[in-house]
């Protein structure tokens, strides 16, 4: 939780702020899930994947 200088927001500004926080939280969660999948994946020599570009 951030502690800073208090400020007043209009309802529209608060809605924008709330939406930004919600999206940030959503994508952090999705990135964490993808990271966990990648770290739990076992290394397999027969399953080599290359990105040629």
PDB file of N, CA and C in Angstrom:
ATOM      1  N   UNK A   1       0.843  -1.172   0.000  1.00  0.00           N
ATOM      2  CA  UNK A   1       0.000   0.000   0.000  1.00  0.00           C
ATOM      3  C   UNK A   1       0.886   1.232   0.000  1.00  0.00           C
ATOM      4  N   UNK A   2       0.557   2.151  -0.868  1.00  0.00           N
ATOM      5  CA  UNK A   2       1.316   3.388  -0.963  1.00  0.00           C
ATOM      6  C   UNK A   2       0.741   4.441  -0.028  1.00  0.00           C
ATOM      7  N   UNK A   3       1.638   5.176   0.602  1.00  0.00           N
ATOM      8  CA  UNK A   3       1.216   6.292   1.440  1.00  0.00           C
ATOM      9  C   UNK A   3       1.840   7.539   0.844  1.00  0.00           C
ATOM     10  N   UNK A   4       1.012   8.489   0.507  1.00  0.00           N
ATOM     11  CA  UNK A   4       1.512   9.721  -0.100  1.00  0.00           C
ATOM     12  C   UNK A   4       0.604  10.874   0.243  1.00  0.00           C
ATOM     13  N   UNK A   5       0.742  11.923  -0.514  1.00  0.00           N
ATOM     14  CA  UNK A   5      -0.069  13.110  -0.311  1.00  0.00           C
ATOM     15  C   UNK A   5      -1.509  12.820  -0.715  1.00  0.00           C
ATOM     16  N   UNK A   6      -2.467  13.074   0.164  1.00  0.00           N
ATOM     17  CA  UNK A   6      -3.864  12.838  -0.195  1.00  0.00           C
ATOM     18  C   UNK A   6      -4.311  13.815  -1.285  1.00  0.00           C
ATOM     19  N   UNK A   7      -5.199  13.343  -2.152  1.00  0.00           N
ATOM     20  CA  UNK A   7      -5.716  14.220  -3.197  1.00  0.00           C
ATOM     21  C   UNK A   7      -7.163  13.863  -3.472  1.00  0.00           C
ATOM     22  N   UNK A   8      -7.885  14.833  -3.980  1.00  0.00           N
ATOM     23  CA  UNK A   8      -9.295  14.628  -4.304  1.00  0.00           C
ATOM     24  C   UNK A   8      -9.414  14.213  -5.762  1.00  0.00           C
ATOM     25  N   UNK A   9     -10.315  13.282  -6.019  1.00  0.00           N
ATOM     26  CA  UNK A   9     -10.577  12.834  -7.382  1.00  0.00           C
ATOM     27  C   UNK A   9     -12.052  13.007  -7.695  1.00  0.00           C
ATOM     28  N   UNK A  10     -12.325  13.366  -8.922  1.00  0.00           N
ATOM     29  CA  UNK A  10     -13.718  13.389  -9.361  1.00  0.00           C
ATOM     30  C   UNK A  10     -14.156  11.942  -9.540  1.00  0.00           C
ATOM     31  N   UNK A  11     -15.443  11.690  -9.599  1.00  0.00           N
ATOM     32  CA  UNK A  11     -15.890  10.308  -9.827  1.00  0.00           C
ATOM     33  C   UNK A  11     -15.299   9.691 -11.099  1.00  0.00           C
ATOM     34  N   UNK A  12     -15.182  10.463 -12.164  1.00  0.00           N
ATOM     35  CA  UNK A  12     -14.608   9.943 -13.413  1.00  0.00           C
ATOM     36  C   UNK A  12     -13.121   9.621 -13.235  1.00  0.00           C
ATOM     37  N   UNK A  13     -12.392  10.492 -12.530  1.00  0.00           N
ATOM     38  CA  UNK A  13     -10.972  10.244 -12.282  1.00  0.00           C
ATOM     39  C   UNK A  13     -10.788   9.008 -11.414  1.00  0.00           C
ATOM     40  N   UNK A  14     -11.640   8.874 -10.398  1.00  0.00           N
ATOM     41  CA  UNK A  14     -11.543   7.699  -9.539  1.00  0.00           C
ATOM     42  C   UNK A  14     -11.852   6.428 -10.321  1.00  0.00           C
ATOM     43  N   UNK A  15     -12.829   6.478 -11.210  1.00  0.00           N
ATOM     44  CA  UNK A  15     -13.175   5.313 -12.024  1.00  0.00           C
ATOM     45  C   UNK A  15     -11.989   4.932 -12.916  1.00  0.00           C
ATOM     46  N   UNK A  16     -11.332   5.911 -13.523  1.00  0.00           N
ATOM     47  CA  UNK A  16     -10.147   5.643 -14.343  1.00  0.00           C
ATOM     48  C   UNK A  16      -9.031   5.033 -13.501  1.00  0.00           C
ATOM     49  N   UNK A  17      -8.801   5.617 -12.326  1.00  0.00           N
ATOM     50  CA  UNK A  17      -7.768   5.112 -11.426  1.00  0.00           C
ATOM     51  C   UNK A  17      -8.072   3.678 -11.005  1.00  0.00           C
ATOM     52  N   UNK A  18      -9.306   3.426 -10.650  1.00  0.00           N
ATOM     53  CA  UNK A  18      -9.720   2.095 -10.222  1.00  0.00           C
ATOM     54  C   UNK A  18      -9.556   1.083 -11.355  1.00  0.00           C
ATOM     55  N   UNK A  19      -9.899   1.473 -12.577  1.00  0.00           N
ATOM     56  CA  UNK A  19      -9.754   0.586 -13.734  1.00  0.00           C
ATOM     57  C   UNK A  19      -8.284   0.266 -13.988  1.00  0.00           C
ATOM     58  N   UNK A  20      -7.421   1.261 -13.884  1.00  0.00           N
ATOM     59  CA  UNK A  20      -5.986   1.038 -14.080  1.00  0.00           C
ATOM     60  C   UNK A  20      -5.443   0.060 -13.045  1.00  0.00           C
ATOM     61  N   UNK A  21      -5.837   0.244 -11.788  1.00  0.00           N
ATOM     62  CA  UNK A  21      -5.386  -0.653 -10.729  1.00  0.00           C
ATOM     63  C   UNK A  21      -5.895  -2.072 -10.967  1.00  0.00           C
ATOM     64  N   UNK A  22      -7.131  -2.193 -11.391  1.00  0.00           N
ATOM     65  CA  UNK A  22      -7.724  -3.498 -11.653  1.00  0.00           C
ATOM     66  C   UNK A  22      -7.000  -4.211 -12.794  1.00  0.00           C
ATOM     67  N   UNK A  23      -6.737  -3.494 -13.874  1.00  0.00           N
ATOM     68  CA  UNK A  23      -6.023  -4.090 -15.009  1.00  0.00           C
ATOM     69  C   UNK A  23      -4.599  -4.475 -14.626  1.00  0.00           C
ATOM     70  N   UNK A  24      -3.937  -3.617 -13.865  1.00  0.00           N
ATOM     71  CA  UNK A  24      -2.572  -3.916 -13.419  1.00  0.00           C
ATOM     72  C   UNK A  24      -2.556  -5.192 -12.579  1.00  0.00           C
ATOM     73  N   UNK A  25      -3.506  -5.321 -11.686  1.00  0.00           N
ATOM     74  CA  UNK A  25      -3.601  -6.508 -10.847  1.00  0.00           C
ATOM     75  C   UNK A  25      -3.887  -7.758 -11.676  1.00  0.00           C
ATOM     76  N   UNK A  26      -4.792  -7.635 -12.634  1.00  0.00           N
ATOM     77  CA  UNK A  26      -5.155  -8.767 -13.491  1.00  0.00           C
ATOM     78  C   UNK A  26      -3.941  -9.275 -14.268  1.00  0.00           C
ATOM     79  N   UNK A  27      -3.206  -8.365 -14.897  1.00  0.00           N
ATOM     80  CA  UNK A  27      -2.072  -8.789 -15.707  1.00  0.00           C
ATOM     81  C   UNK A  27      -0.909  -9.275 -14.855  1.00  0.00           C
ATOM     82  N   UNK A  28      -0.741  -8.742 -13.657  1.00  0.00           N
ATOM     83  CA  UNK A  28       0.277  -9.285 -12.751  1.00  0.00           C
ATOM     84  C   UNK A  28      -0.045 -10.729 -12.406  1.00  0.00           C
ATOM     85  N   UNK A  29      -1.315 -10.999 -12.131  1.00  0.00           N
ATOM     86  CA  UNK A  29      -1.741 -12.357 -11.804  1.00  0.00           C
ATOM     87  C   UNK A  29      -1.511 -13.294 -12.987  1.00  0.00           C
ATOM     88  N   UNK A  30      -1.873 -12.867 -14.196  1.00  0.00           N
ATOM     89  CA  UNK A  30      -1.682 -13.699 -15.388  1.00  0.00           C
ATOM     90  C   UNK A  30      -0.196 -13.953 -15.642  1.00  0.00           C
ATOM     91  N   UNK A  31       0.637 -12.934 -15.478  1.00  0.00           N
ATOM     92  CA  UNK A  31       2.078 -13.117 -15.658  1.00  0.00           C
ATOM     93  C   UNK A  31       2.637 -14.088 -14.632  1.00  0.00           C
ATOM     94  N   UNK A  32       2.178 -14.011 -13.405  1.00  0.00           N
ATOM     95  CA  UNK A  32       2.632 -14.924 -12.357  1.00  0.00           C
ATOM     96  C   UNK A  32       2.239 -16.357 -12.690  1.00  0.00           C
ATOM     97  N   UNK A  33       1.019 -16.559 -13.195  1.00  0.00           N
ATOM     98  CA  UNK A  33       0.578 -17.901 -13.578  1.00  0.00           C
ATOM     99  C   UNK A  33       1.449 -18.461 -14.695  1.00  0.00           C
ATOM    100  N   UNK A  34       1.754 -17.655 -15.703  1.00  0.00           N
ATOM    101  CA  UNK A  34       2.603 -18.100 -16.812  1.00  0.00           C
ATOM    102  C   UNK A  34       4.011 -18.415 -16.319  1.00  0.00           C
ATOM    103  N   UNK A  35       4.536 -17.600 -15.415  1.00  0.00           N
ATOM    104  CA  UNK A  35       5.861 -17.839 -14.863  1.00  0.00           C
ATOM    105  C   UNK A  35       5.890 -19.155 -14.096  1.00  0.00           C
ATOM    106  N   UNK A  36       4.853 -19.418 -13.308  1.00  0.00           N
ATOM    107  CA  UNK A  36       4.791 -20.663 -12.552  1.00  0.00           C
ATOM    108  C   UNK A  36       4.718 -21.868 -13.479  1.00  0.00           C
ATOM    109  N   UNK A  37       3.964 -21.762 -14.573  1.00  0.00           N
ATOM    110  CA  UNK A  37       3.893 -22.856 -15.549  1.00  0.00           C
ATOM    111  C   UNK A  37       5.265 -23.118 -16.156  1.00  0.00           C
ATOM    112  N   UNK A  38       5.972 -22.051 -16.491  1.00  0.00           N
ATOM    113  CA  UNK A  38       7.283 -22.188 -17.126  1.00  0.00           C
ATOM    114  C   UNK A  38       8.303 -22.793 -16.168  1.00  0.00           C
ATOM    115  N   UNK A  39       8.243 -22.442 -14.893  1.00  0.00           N
ATOM    116  CA  UNK A  39       9.224 -22.970 -13.946  1.00  0.00           C
ATOM    117  C   UNK A  39       8.918 -24.405 -13.547  1.00  0.00           C
ATOM    118  N   UNK A  40       7.668 -24.821 -13.666  1.00  0.00           N
ATOM    119  CA  UNK A  40       7.305 -26.187 -13.304  1.00  0.00           C
ATOM    120  C   UNK A  40       7.504 -27.175 -14.449  1.00  0.00           C
ATOM    121  N   UNK A  41       7.785 -26.663 -15.632  1.00  0.00           N
ATOM    122  CA  UNK A  41       7.945 -27.514 -16.802  1.00  0.00           C
ATOM    123  C   UNK A  41       9.272 -28.268 -16.708  1.00  0.00           C
ATOM    124  N   UNK A  42       9.238 -29.569 -16.896  1.00  0.00           N
ATOM    125  CA  UNK A  42      10.433 -30.399 -16.838  1.00  0.00           C
ATOM    126  C   UNK A  42      11.231 -30.270 -18.133  1.00  0.00           C
ATOM    127  N   UNK A  43      12.548 -30.322 -18.027  1.00  0.00           N
ATOM    128  CA  UNK A  43      13.410 -30.281 -19.200  1.00  0.00           C
ATOM    129  C   UNK A  43      13.393 -31.642 -19.873  1.00  0.00           C
ATOM    130  N   UNK A  44      13.219 -31.637 -21.199  1.00  0.00           N
ATOM    131  CA  UNK A  44      13.167 -32.878 -21.960  1.00  0.00           C
ATOM    132  C   UNK A  44      13.967 -32.669 -23.241  1.00  0.00           C
ATOM    133  N   UNK A  45      14.998 -33.484 -23.459  1.00  0.00           N
ATOM    134  CA  UNK A  45      15.835 -33.342 -24.648  1.00  0.00           C
ATOM    135  C   UNK A  45      15.067 -33.598 -25.936  1.00  0.00           C
ATOM    136  N   UNK A  46      14.055 -34.442 -25.898  1.00  0.00           N
ATOM    137  CA  UNK A  46      13.305 -34.760 -27.117  1.00  0.00           C
ATOM    138  C   UNK A  46      12.241 -33.713 -27.434  1.00  0.00           C
ATOM    139  N   UNK A  47      12.048 -32.765 -26.555  1.00  0.00           N
ATOM    140  CA  UNK A  47      11.023 -31.744 -26.766  1.00  0.00           C
ATOM    141  C   UNK A  47      11.659 -30.357 -26.907  1.00  0.00           C
ATOM    142  N   UNK A  48      12.658 -30.252 -27.780  1.00  0.00           N
ATOM    143  CA  UNK A  48      13.332 -28.977 -27.998  1.00  0.00           C
ATOM    144  C   UNK A  48      12.472 -28.091 -28.888  1.00  0.00           C
ATOM    145  N   UNK A  49      12.283 -26.848 -28.487  1.00  0.00           N
ATOM    146  CA  UNK A  49      11.484 -25.902 -29.256  1.00  0.00           C
ATOM    147  C   UNK A  49      12.346 -24.685 -29.563  1.00  0.00           C
ATOM    148  N   UNK A  50      12.420 -24.352 -30.848  1.00  0.00           N
ATOM    149  CA  UNK A  50      13.237 -23.226 -31.285  1.00  0.00           C
ATOM    150  C   UNK A  50      12.364 -22.194 -31.966  1.00  0.00           C
ATOM    151  N   UNK A  51      12.641 -20.944 -31.716  1.00  0.00           N
ATOM    152  CA  UNK A  51      11.939 -19.848 -32.369  1.00  0.00           C
ATOM    153  C   UNK A  51      12.844 -19.337 -33.481  1.00  0.00           C
ATOM    154  N   UNK A  52      12.482 -19.641 -34.722  1.00  0.00           N
ATOM    155  CA  UNK A  52      13.326 -19.289 -35.862  1.00  0.00           C
ATOM    156  C   UNK A  52      13.059 -17.868 -36.332  1.00  0.00           C
ATOM    157  N   UNK A  53      11.999 -17.290 -35.895  1.00  0.00           N
ATOM    158  CA  UNK A  53      11.897 -15.959 -36.114  1.00  0.00           C
ATOM    159  C   UNK A  53      11.034 -15.110 -36.794  1.00  0.00           C
TER     160      UNK A  53
END
